[in-house]
Amino acid sequence: MVVVVSSERPQRVVLTALCTRRGWPCVECDSVRSARRTLLRVQPRVVVVRHQLNDGYSDDVIGLLRASDTRTPARVIVLAAAGLTAPVEARQIVLGADVVHRDPIRIEVVLAQIDRYRAVGHSQLSRRRNGPAKSLVFAGARIDPLKRTLRHGRRVVELTPREVELVRVLNDSDGQVATYELLYSEILGRPFRGDTSNMRVLLGKLTSSFRAAKLDLRSSVEVIPKSGYRYRTNAEA
């Protein structure tokens, strides 16, 4: 997930369009306030932020990222005016920016860095998810990712690959909201464009599989309107 934060609409629109064209899920924000709302429901791998915004600075957005509780911190690319002083640029690095670009911005370079940072994020996720595929307990059932089975007592239910992926994404979210942007990117391999029907069908199928094992999945998975799904591990207690 890429988040573009800029009060300069032409730059924001161009970057967002180029990311989307490359198949990278992307969200655009026009202010610190908008970024704050977005970061409550999205866990980005890369944030591209303009240094000066209508209601603050990139410092504020980096602060929001540092305050968020994520296992894989977002990589930050700051876009700044040509006259940005060296001390202010250094401050961005100290705060947590990975790189600072000054005007005129070379879009292809920025896109190459986004791609690189995303690849690192995907590699880390793959190592976590595709390491030894151990079974896991999810919503009261024992899930075997290799055999693609759900077991509860003597009942064994076969799962589809996408059902297993949905379990994995929800389980890896550590009680946080798995956003539609994340779900569509990781499970369906495409950007989320506002239509949640595919994910509703998949959640319904997984719910039916749990029901066949005499388990109520929906008591553990909460649908957050316009945001995504949250797996509540304490619901198993």
C-alpha atoms as a PDB file:
ATOM      1  CA  MET A   1       0.000   0.000   0.000  1.00  0.00           C
ATOM      2  CA  VAL A   2       1.289   3.449  -1.016  1.00  0.00           C
ATOM      3  CA  VAL A   3      -0.040   6.631   0.589  1.00  0.00           C
ATOM      4  CA  VAL A   4       0.580   9.927  -1.232  1.00  0.00           C
ATOM      5  CA  VAL A   5       0.207  13.046   0.932  1.00  0.00           C
ATOM      6  CA  SER A   6       0.381  16.381  -0.892  1.00  0.00           C
ATOM      7  CA  SER A   7      -1.647  19.577  -0.907  1.00  0.00           C
ATOM      8  CA  GLU A   8      -0.446  20.172  -4.484  1.00  0.00           C
ATOM      9  CA  ARG A   9      -3.252  18.473  -6.387  1.00  0.00           C
ATOM     10  CA  PRO A  10      -1.520  18.021  -9.782  1.00  0.00           C
ATOM     11  CA  GLN A  11       1.469  16.290  -8.201  1.00  0.00           C
ATOM     12  CA  ARG A  12      -0.752  14.161  -5.964  1.00  0.00           C
ATOM     13  CA  VAL A  13      -3.005  13.077  -8.827  1.00  0.00           C
ATOM     14  CA  VAL A  14      -0.095  12.234 -11.128  1.00  0.00           C
ATOM     15  CA  LEU A  15       1.710  10.132  -8.524  1.00  0.00           C
ATOM     16  CA  THR A  16      -1.457   8.307  -7.541  1.00  0.00           C
ATOM     17  CA  ALA A  17      -2.347   7.586 -11.179  1.00  0.00           C
ATOM     18  CA  LEU A  18       1.150   6.277 -11.956  1.00  0.00           C
ATOM     19  CA  CYS A  19       1.129   4.007  -8.896  1.00  0.00           C
ATOM     20  CA  THR A  20      -2.317   2.669  -9.762  1.00  0.00           C
ATOM     21  CA  ARG A  21      -1.259   2.068 -13.375  1.00  0.00           C
ATOM     22  CA  ARG A  22       1.550  -0.130 -12.066  1.00  0.00           C
ATOM     23  CA  GLY A  23      -0.922  -2.127  -9.999  1.00  0.00           C
ATOM     24  CA  TRP A  24       0.199  -0.684  -6.664  1.00  0.00           C
ATOM     25  CA  PRO A  25      -2.700  -0.049  -4.252  1.00  0.00           C
ATOM     26  CA  CYS A  26      -2.593   3.679  -3.534  1.00  0.00           C
ATOM     27  CA  VAL A  27      -4.456   6.208  -1.392  1.00  0.00           C
ATOM     28  CA  GLU A  28      -4.133   9.976  -1.762  1.00  0.00           C
ATOM     29  CA  CYS A  29      -4.402  12.572   1.015  1.00  0.00           C
ATOM     30  CA  ASP A  30      -4.394  16.353   0.663  1.00  0.00           C
ATOM     31  CA  SER A  31      -3.486  17.318   4.231  1.00  0.00           C
ATOM     32  CA  VAL A  32      -2.169  16.190   7.606  1.00  0.00           C
ATOM     33  CA  ARG A  33      -5.765  15.846   8.751  1.00  0.00           C
ATOM     34  CA  SER A  34      -6.621  13.595   5.816  1.00  0.00           C
ATOM     35  CA  ALA A  35      -3.467  11.534   6.415  1.00  0.00           C
ATOM     36  CA  ARG A  36      -4.406  11.083  10.068  1.00  0.00           C
ATOM     37  CA  ARG A  37      -7.788   9.634   9.083  1.00  0.00           C
ATOM     38  CA  THR A  38      -6.230   7.408   6.439  1.00  0.00           C
ATOM     39  CA  LEU A  39      -3.528   6.021   8.712  1.00  0.00           C
ATOM     40  CA  LEU A  40      -6.165   4.904  11.191  1.00  0.00           C
ATOM     41  CA  ARG A  41      -7.404   2.368   8.635  1.00  0.00           C
ATOM     42  CA  VAL A  42      -4.392   1.771   6.375  1.00  0.00           C
ATOM     43  CA  GLN A  43      -0.952   0.342   7.140  1.00  0.00           C
ATOM     44  CA  PRO A  44       1.189   1.581   4.226  1.00  0.00           C
ATOM     45  CA  ARG A  45       4.508   0.163   3.127  1.00  0.00           C
ATOM     46  CA  VAL A  46       5.484   3.474   1.505  1.00  0.00           C
ATOM     47  CA  VAL A  47       4.443   7.061   2.217  1.00  0.00           C
ATOM     48  CA  VAL A  48       5.273   9.837  -0.244  1.00  0.00           C
ATOM     49  CA  VAL A  49       4.719  13.161   1.503  1.00  0.00           C
ATOM     50  CA  ARG A  50       5.168  16.792   0.455  1.00  0.00           C
ATOM     51  CA  HIS A  51       7.227  18.692   3.030  1.00  0.00           C
ATOM     52  CA  GLN A  52       4.871  21.665   3.248  1.00  0.00           C
ATOM     53  CA  LEU A  53       1.156  20.917   3.462  1.00  0.00           C
ATOM     54  CA  ASN A  54      -1.873  23.178   3.829  1.00  0.00           C
ATOM     55  CA  ASP A  55      -2.234  22.370   7.522  1.00  0.00           C
ATOM     56  CA  GLY A  56       1.274  21.340   8.553  1.00  0.00           C
ATOM     57  CA  TYR A  57       4.445  19.636   7.421  1.00  0.00           C
ATOM     58  CA  SER A  58       5.854  16.238   6.591  1.00  0.00           C
ATOM     59  CA  ASP A  59       7.157  16.249  10.186  1.00  0.00           C
ATOM     60  CA  ASP A  60       3.553  15.819  11.351  1.00  0.00           C
ATOM     61  CA  VAL A  61       2.885  12.883   9.013  1.00  0.00           C
ATOM     62  CA  ILE A  62       6.135  11.158  10.007  1.00  0.00           C
ATOM     63  CA  GLY A  63       5.085  11.640  13.631  1.00  0.00           C
ATOM     64  CA  LEU A  64       1.768   9.896  12.913  1.00  0.00           C
ATOM     65  CA  LEU A  65       3.644   6.974  11.386  1.00  0.00           C
ATOM     66  CA  ARG A  66       6.022   6.699  14.323  1.00  0.00           C
ATOM     67  CA  ALA A  67       3.069   6.670  16.725  1.00  0.00           C
ATOM     68  CA  SER A  68       1.353   3.829  14.861  1.00  0.00           C
ATOM     69  CA  ASP A  69       1.789   0.296  16.187  1.00  0.00           C
ATOM     70  CA  THR A  70       3.047  -1.669  13.173  1.00  0.00           C
ATOM     71  CA  ARG A  71       5.589  -4.465  12.918  1.00  0.00           C
ATOM     72  CA  THR A  72       6.923  -3.214   9.563  1.00  0.00           C
ATOM     73  CA  PRO A  73       7.383   0.593   9.648  1.00  0.00           C
ATOM     74  CA  ALA A  74       6.520   2.459   6.461  1.00  0.00           C
ATOM     75  CA  ARG A  75       9.314   3.799   4.270  1.00  0.00           C
ATOM     76  CA  VAL A  76       9.032   7.566   3.818  1.00  0.00           C
ATOM     77  CA  ILE A  77       9.874   9.661   0.755  1.00  0.00           C
ATOM     78  CA  VAL A  78       9.732  13.434   1.298  1.00  0.00           C
ATOM     79  CA  LEU A  79       9.195  15.845  -1.616  1.00  0.00           C
ATOM     80  CA  ALA A  80      10.389  19.392  -0.923  1.00  0.00           C
ATOM     81  CA  ALA A  81      10.859  22.805  -2.510  1.00  0.00           C
ATOM     82  CA  ALA A  82      14.177  23.576  -4.179  1.00  0.00           C
ATOM     83  CA  GLY A  83      15.011  26.077  -1.451  1.00  0.00           C
ATOM     84  CA  LEU A  84      14.796  23.596   1.421  1.00  0.00           C
ATOM     85  CA  THR A  85      17.740  24.233   3.733  1.00  0.00           C
ATOM     86  CA  ALA A  86      20.225  21.516   4.663  1.00  0.00           C
ATOM     87  CA  PRO A  87      19.281  21.596   8.394  1.00  0.00           C
ATOM     88  CA  VAL A  88      15.588  21.089   7.571  1.00  0.00           C
ATOM     89  CA  GLU A  89      16.457  18.256   5.188  1.00  0.00           C
ATOM     90  CA  ALA A  90      18.621  16.660   7.860  1.00  0.00           C
ATOM     91  CA  ARG A  91      15.727  16.955  10.308  1.00  0.00           C
ATOM     92  CA  GLN A  92      13.524  14.903   7.970  1.00  0.00           C
ATOM     93  CA  ILE A  93      16.091  12.101   7.987  1.00  0.00           C
ATOM     94  CA  VAL A  94      16.411  12.254  11.766  1.00  0.00           C
ATOM     95  CA  LEU A  95      12.623  12.058  12.137  1.00  0.00           C
ATOM     96  CA  GLY A  96      12.453   8.938   9.990  1.00  0.00           C
ATOM     97  CA  ALA A  97      12.434   9.885   6.295  1.00  0.00           C
ATOM     98  CA  ASP A  98      14.382   7.508   4.043  1.00  0.00           C
ATOM     99  CA  VAL A  99      15.073  10.050   1.329  1.00  0.00           C
ATOM    100  CA  VAL A 100      14.341  13.725   0.508  1.00  0.00           C
ATOM    101  CA  HIS A 101      13.802  14.955  -3.071  1.00  0.00           C
ATOM    102  CA  ARG A 102      13.903  18.645  -3.987  1.00  0.00           C
ATOM    103  CA  ASP A 103      12.119  20.312  -6.888  1.00  0.00           C
ATOM    104  CA  PRO A 104      12.167  19.693  -9.758  1.00  0.00           C
ATOM    105  CA  ILE A 105      11.016  16.231  -8.730  1.00  0.00           C
ATOM    106  CA  ARG A 106      12.133  13.396 -11.029  1.00  0.00           C
ATOM    107  CA  ILE A 107       9.023  11.243 -10.998  1.00  0.00           C
ATOM    108  CA  GLU A 108      10.714   8.161 -12.467  1.00  0.00           C
ATOM    109  CA  VAL A 109      13.275   8.167  -9.661  1.00  0.00           C
ATOM    110  CA  VAL A 110      10.537   8.464  -7.047  1.00  0.00           C
ATOM    111  CA  LEU A 111       8.617   5.597  -8.672  1.00  0.00           C
ATOM    112  CA  ALA A 112      11.759   3.429  -8.732  1.00  0.00           C
ATOM    113  CA  GLN A 113      12.234   4.038  -5.011  1.00  0.00           C
ATOM    114  CA  ILE A 114       8.592   3.242  -4.281  1.00  0.00           C
ATOM    115  CA  ASP A 115       8.961  -0.007  -6.209  1.00  0.00           C
ATOM    116  CA  ARG A 116      12.124  -0.895  -4.295  1.00  0.00           C
ATOM    117  CA  TYR A 117      10.585  -0.145  -0.906  1.00  0.00           C
ATOM    118  CA  ARG A 118       7.448  -2.099  -1.805  1.00  0.00           C
ATOM    119  CA  ALA A 119       9.570  -5.073  -2.872  1.00  0.00           C
ATOM    120  CA  VAL A 120      11.291  -5.066   0.509  1.00  0.00           C
ATOM    121  CA  GLY A 121       7.908  -5.022   2.220  1.00  0.00           C
ATOM    122  CA  HIS A 122       6.634  -7.898   0.077  1.00  0.00           C
ATOM    123  CA  SER A 123       9.810  -9.890   0.801  1.00  0.00           C
ATOM    124  CA  GLN A 124       9.373  -9.432   4.547  1.00  0.00           C
ATOM    125  CA  LEU A 125       5.713 -10.413   4.315  1.00  0.00           C
ATOM    126  CA  SER A 126       6.544 -13.462   2.213  1.00  0.00           C
ATOM    127  CA  ARG A 127       9.160 -14.648   4.684  1.00  0.00           C
ATOM    128  CA  ARG A 128       6.632 -14.307   7.487  1.00  0.00           C
ATOM    129  CA  ARG A 129       3.775 -15.948   5.602  1.00  0.00           C
ATOM    130  CA  ASN A 130       5.616 -18.395   3.373  1.00  0.00           C
ATOM    131  CA  GLY A 131       8.185 -19.638   5.845  1.00  0.00           C
ATOM    132  CA  PRO A 132       7.431 -23.027   7.370  1.00  0.00           C
ATOM    133  CA  ALA A 133       3.665 -23.279   6.790  1.00  0.00           C
ATOM    134  CA  LYS A 134       2.765 -24.310  10.307  1.00  0.00           C
ATOM    135  CA  SER A 135      -0.780 -24.926  11.385  1.00  0.00           C
ATOM    136  CA  LEU A 136      -2.419 -22.232  13.458  1.00  0.00           C
ATOM    137  CA  VAL A 137      -5.396 -21.797  15.735  1.00  0.00           C
ATOM    138  CA  PHE A 138      -7.902 -19.333  14.293  1.00  0.00           C
ATOM    139  CA  ALA A 139     -11.370 -18.616  15.702  1.00  0.00           C
ATOM    140  CA  GLY A 140     -11.382 -21.914  17.581  1.00  0.00           C
ATOM    141  CA  ALA A 141     -10.297 -24.073  14.636  1.00  0.00           C
ATOM    142  CA  ARG A 142      -6.965 -25.630  13.703  1.00  0.00           C
ATOM    143  CA  ILE A 143      -5.973 -24.418  10.222  1.00  0.00           C
ATOM    144  CA  ASP A 144      -3.422 -26.392   8.197  1.00  0.00           C
ATOM    145  CA  PRO A 145      -2.210 -24.089   5.358  1.00  0.00           C
ATOM    146  CA  LEU A 146      -0.402 -26.887   3.486  1.00  0.00           C
ATOM    147  CA  LYS A 147      -3.317 -29.320   3.474  1.00  0.00           C
ATOM    148  CA  ARG A 148      -5.798 -26.404   3.296  1.00  0.00           C
ATOM    149  CA  THR A 149      -7.988 -27.891   5.991  1.00  0.00           C
ATOM    150  CA  LEU A 150      -9.974 -26.583   8.935  1.00  0.00           C
ATOM    151  CA  ARG A 151     -10.241 -28.967  11.884  1.00  0.00           C
ATOM    152  CA  HIS A 152     -12.509 -28.723  14.912  1.00  0.00           C
ATOM    153  CA  GLY A 153     -12.743 -31.838  17.015  1.00  0.00           C
ATOM    154  CA  ARG A 154     -13.436 -34.704  14.628  1.00  0.00           C
ATOM    155  CA  ARG A 155     -14.767 -32.420  11.906  1.00  0.00           C
ATOM    156  CA  VAL A 156     -12.444 -31.617   9.003  1.00  0.00           C
ATOM    157  CA  VAL A 157     -13.418 -29.124   6.295  1.00  0.00           C
ATOM    158  CA  GLU A 158     -11.430 -28.449   3.102  1.00  0.00           C
ATOM    159  CA  LEU A 159     -10.649 -24.810   2.327  1.00  0.00           C
ATOM    160  CA  THR A 160      -9.908 -23.036  -0.941  1.00  0.00           C
ATOM    161  CA  PRO A 161      -6.519 -21.296  -1.373  1.00  0.00           C
ATOM    162  CA  ARG A 162      -8.168 -17.888  -1.004  1.00  0.00           C
ATOM    163  CA  GLU A 163      -9.935 -18.919   2.183  1.00  0.00           C
ATOM    164  CA  VAL A 164      -6.527 -19.863   3.599  1.00  0.00           C
ATOM    165  CA  GLU A 165      -5.095 -16.523   2.462  1.00  0.00           C
ATOM    166  CA  LEU A 166      -7.930 -14.649   4.176  1.00  0.00           C
ATOM    167  CA  VAL A 167      -7.218 -16.538   7.406  1.00  0.00           C
ATOM    168  CA  ARG A 168      -3.519 -15.700   7.115  1.00  0.00           C
ATOM    169  CA  VAL A 169      -4.037 -11.985   6.483  1.00  0.00           C
ATOM    170  CA  LEU A 170      -6.517 -11.648   9.351  1.00  0.00           C
ATOM    171  CA  ASN A 171      -4.309 -13.646  11.701  1.00  0.00           C
ATOM    172  CA  ASP A 172      -1.206 -11.592  10.781  1.00  0.00           C
ATOM    173  CA  SER A 173      -3.050  -8.326  11.432  1.00  0.00           C
ATOM    174  CA  ASP A 174      -2.542  -8.761  15.198  1.00  0.00           C
ATOM    175  CA  GLY A 175      -5.959  -7.439  16.171  1.00  0.00           C
ATOM    176  CA  GLN A 176      -5.674  -4.400  13.879  1.00  0.00           C
ATOM    177  CA  VAL A 177      -8.063  -3.727  11.011  1.00  0.00           C
ATOM    178  CA  ALA A 178      -7.062  -5.576   7.848  1.00  0.00           C
ATOM    179  CA  THR A 179      -8.067  -2.876   5.389  1.00  0.00           C
ATOM    180  CA  TYR A 180      -9.787  -3.552   2.101  1.00  0.00           C
ATOM    181  CA  GLU A 181      -6.690  -2.133   0.408  1.00  0.00           C
ATOM    182  CA  LEU A 182      -4.547  -4.776   2.120  1.00  0.00           C
ATOM    183  CA  LEU A 183      -7.053  -7.601   1.604  1.00  0.00           C
ATOM    184  CA  TYR A 184      -7.435  -6.978  -2.117  1.00  0.00           C
ATOM    185  CA  SER A 185      -3.700  -6.535  -2.620  1.00  0.00           C
ATOM    186  CA  GLU A 186      -2.609  -9.640  -0.697  1.00  0.00           C
ATOM    187  CA  ILE A 187      -5.456 -12.028  -1.555  1.00  0.00           C
ATOM    188  CA  LEU A 188      -6.668 -10.966  -5.000  1.00  0.00           C
ATOM    189  CA  GLY A 189      -3.443  -9.347  -6.209  1.00  0.00           C
ATOM    190  CA  ARG A 190      -5.090  -6.141  -7.397  1.00  0.00           C
ATOM    191  CA  PRO A 191      -5.886  -2.660  -6.079  1.00  0.00           C
ATOM    192  CA  PHE A 192      -9.073  -2.014  -4.123  1.00  0.00           C
ATOM    193  CA  ARG A 193     -11.368   0.267  -6.113  1.00  0.00           C
ATOM    194  CA  GLY A 194     -14.249   0.675  -3.705  1.00  0.00           C
ATOM    195  CA  ASP A 195     -16.312  -2.437  -4.509  1.00  0.00           C
ATOM    196  CA  THR A 196     -16.219  -4.826  -1.537  1.00  0.00           C
ATOM    197  CA  SER A 197     -18.370  -7.552  -3.125  1.00  0.00           C
ATOM    198  CA  ASN A 198     -15.491  -9.973  -3.837  1.00  0.00           C
ATOM    199  CA  MET A 199     -14.318  -9.852  -0.242  1.00  0.00           C
ATOM    200  CA  ARG A 200     -17.879 -10.170   1.094  1.00  0.00           C
ATOM    201  CA  VAL A 201     -18.313 -13.345  -0.948  1.00  0.00           C
ATOM    202  CA  LEU A 202     -14.976 -14.725   0.290  1.00  0.00           C
ATOM    203  CA  LEU A 203     -15.787 -13.956   3.916  1.00  0.00           C
ATOM    204  CA  GLY A 204     -19.195 -15.583   3.420  1.00  0.00           C
ATOM    205  CA  LYS A 205     -17.562 -18.718   2.013  1.00  0.00           C
ATOM    206  CA  LEU A 206     -15.111 -18.907   4.923  1.00  0.00           C
ATOM    207  CA  THR A 207     -17.995 -18.383   7.353  1.00  0.00           C
ATOM    208  CA  SER A 208     -19.820 -21.320   5.756  1.00  0.00           C
ATOM    209  CA  SER A 209     -16.717 -23.496   6.095  1.00  0.00           C
ATOM    210  CA  PHE A 210     -16.533 -22.672   9.793  1.00  0.00           C
ATOM    211  CA  ARG A 211     -20.249 -23.339  10.147  1.00  0.00           C
ATOM    212  CA  ALA A 212     -19.724 -26.798   8.634  1.00  0.00           C
ATOM    213  CA  ALA A 213     -17.284 -27.418  11.495  1.00  0.00           C
ATOM    214  CA  LYS A 214     -19.879 -26.164  14.007  1.00  0.00           C
ATOM    215  CA  LEU A 215     -18.048 -22.871  14.624  1.00  0.00           C
ATOM    216  CA  ASP A 216     -19.278 -19.273  14.398  1.00  0.00           C
ATOM    217  CA  LEU A 217     -16.579 -17.312  12.558  1.00  0.00           C
ATOM    218  CA  ARG A 218     -18.491 -14.022  12.677  1.00  0.00           C
ATOM    219  CA  SER A 219     -18.231 -13.934  16.464  1.00  0.00           C
ATOM    220  CA  SER A 220     -14.473 -13.517  15.942  1.00  0.00           C
ATOM    221  CA  VAL A 221     -14.304 -11.451  12.742  1.00  0.00           C
ATOM    222  CA  GLU A 222     -15.728  -7.950  12.868  1.00  0.00           C
ATOM    223  CA  VAL A 223     -16.677  -6.039   9.731  1.00  0.00           C
ATOM    224  CA  ILE A 224     -15.579  -2.409  10.062  1.00  0.00           C
ATOM    225  CA  PRO A 225     -17.777  -0.328   7.710  1.00  0.00           C
ATOM    226  CA  LYS A 226     -15.825   1.233   4.795  1.00  0.00           C
ATOM    227  CA  SER A 227     -12.527   0.014   6.295  1.00  0.00           C
ATOM    228  CA  GLY A 228     -12.106  -3.770   6.347  1.00  0.00           C
ATOM    229  CA  TYR A 229     -12.161  -6.731   8.751  1.00  0.00           C
ATOM    230  CA  ARG A 230     -10.728  -7.176  12.215  1.00  0.00           C
ATOM    231  CA  TYR A 231      -9.985 -10.539  13.813  1.00  0.00           C
ATOM    232  CA  ARG A 232     -10.544 -10.440  17.564  1.00  0.00           C
ATOM    233  CA  THR A 233      -8.363 -13.127  19.103  1.00  0.00           C
ATOM    234  CA  ASN A 234      -9.943 -12.631  22.536  1.00  0.00           C
ATOM    235  CA  ALA A 235     -13.230 -13.793  21.053  1.00  0.00           C
ATOM    236  CA  GLU A 236     -11.859 -17.327  21.334  1.00  0.00           C
ATOM    237  CA  ALA A 237     -11.723 -17.112  25.132  1.00  0.00           C
END
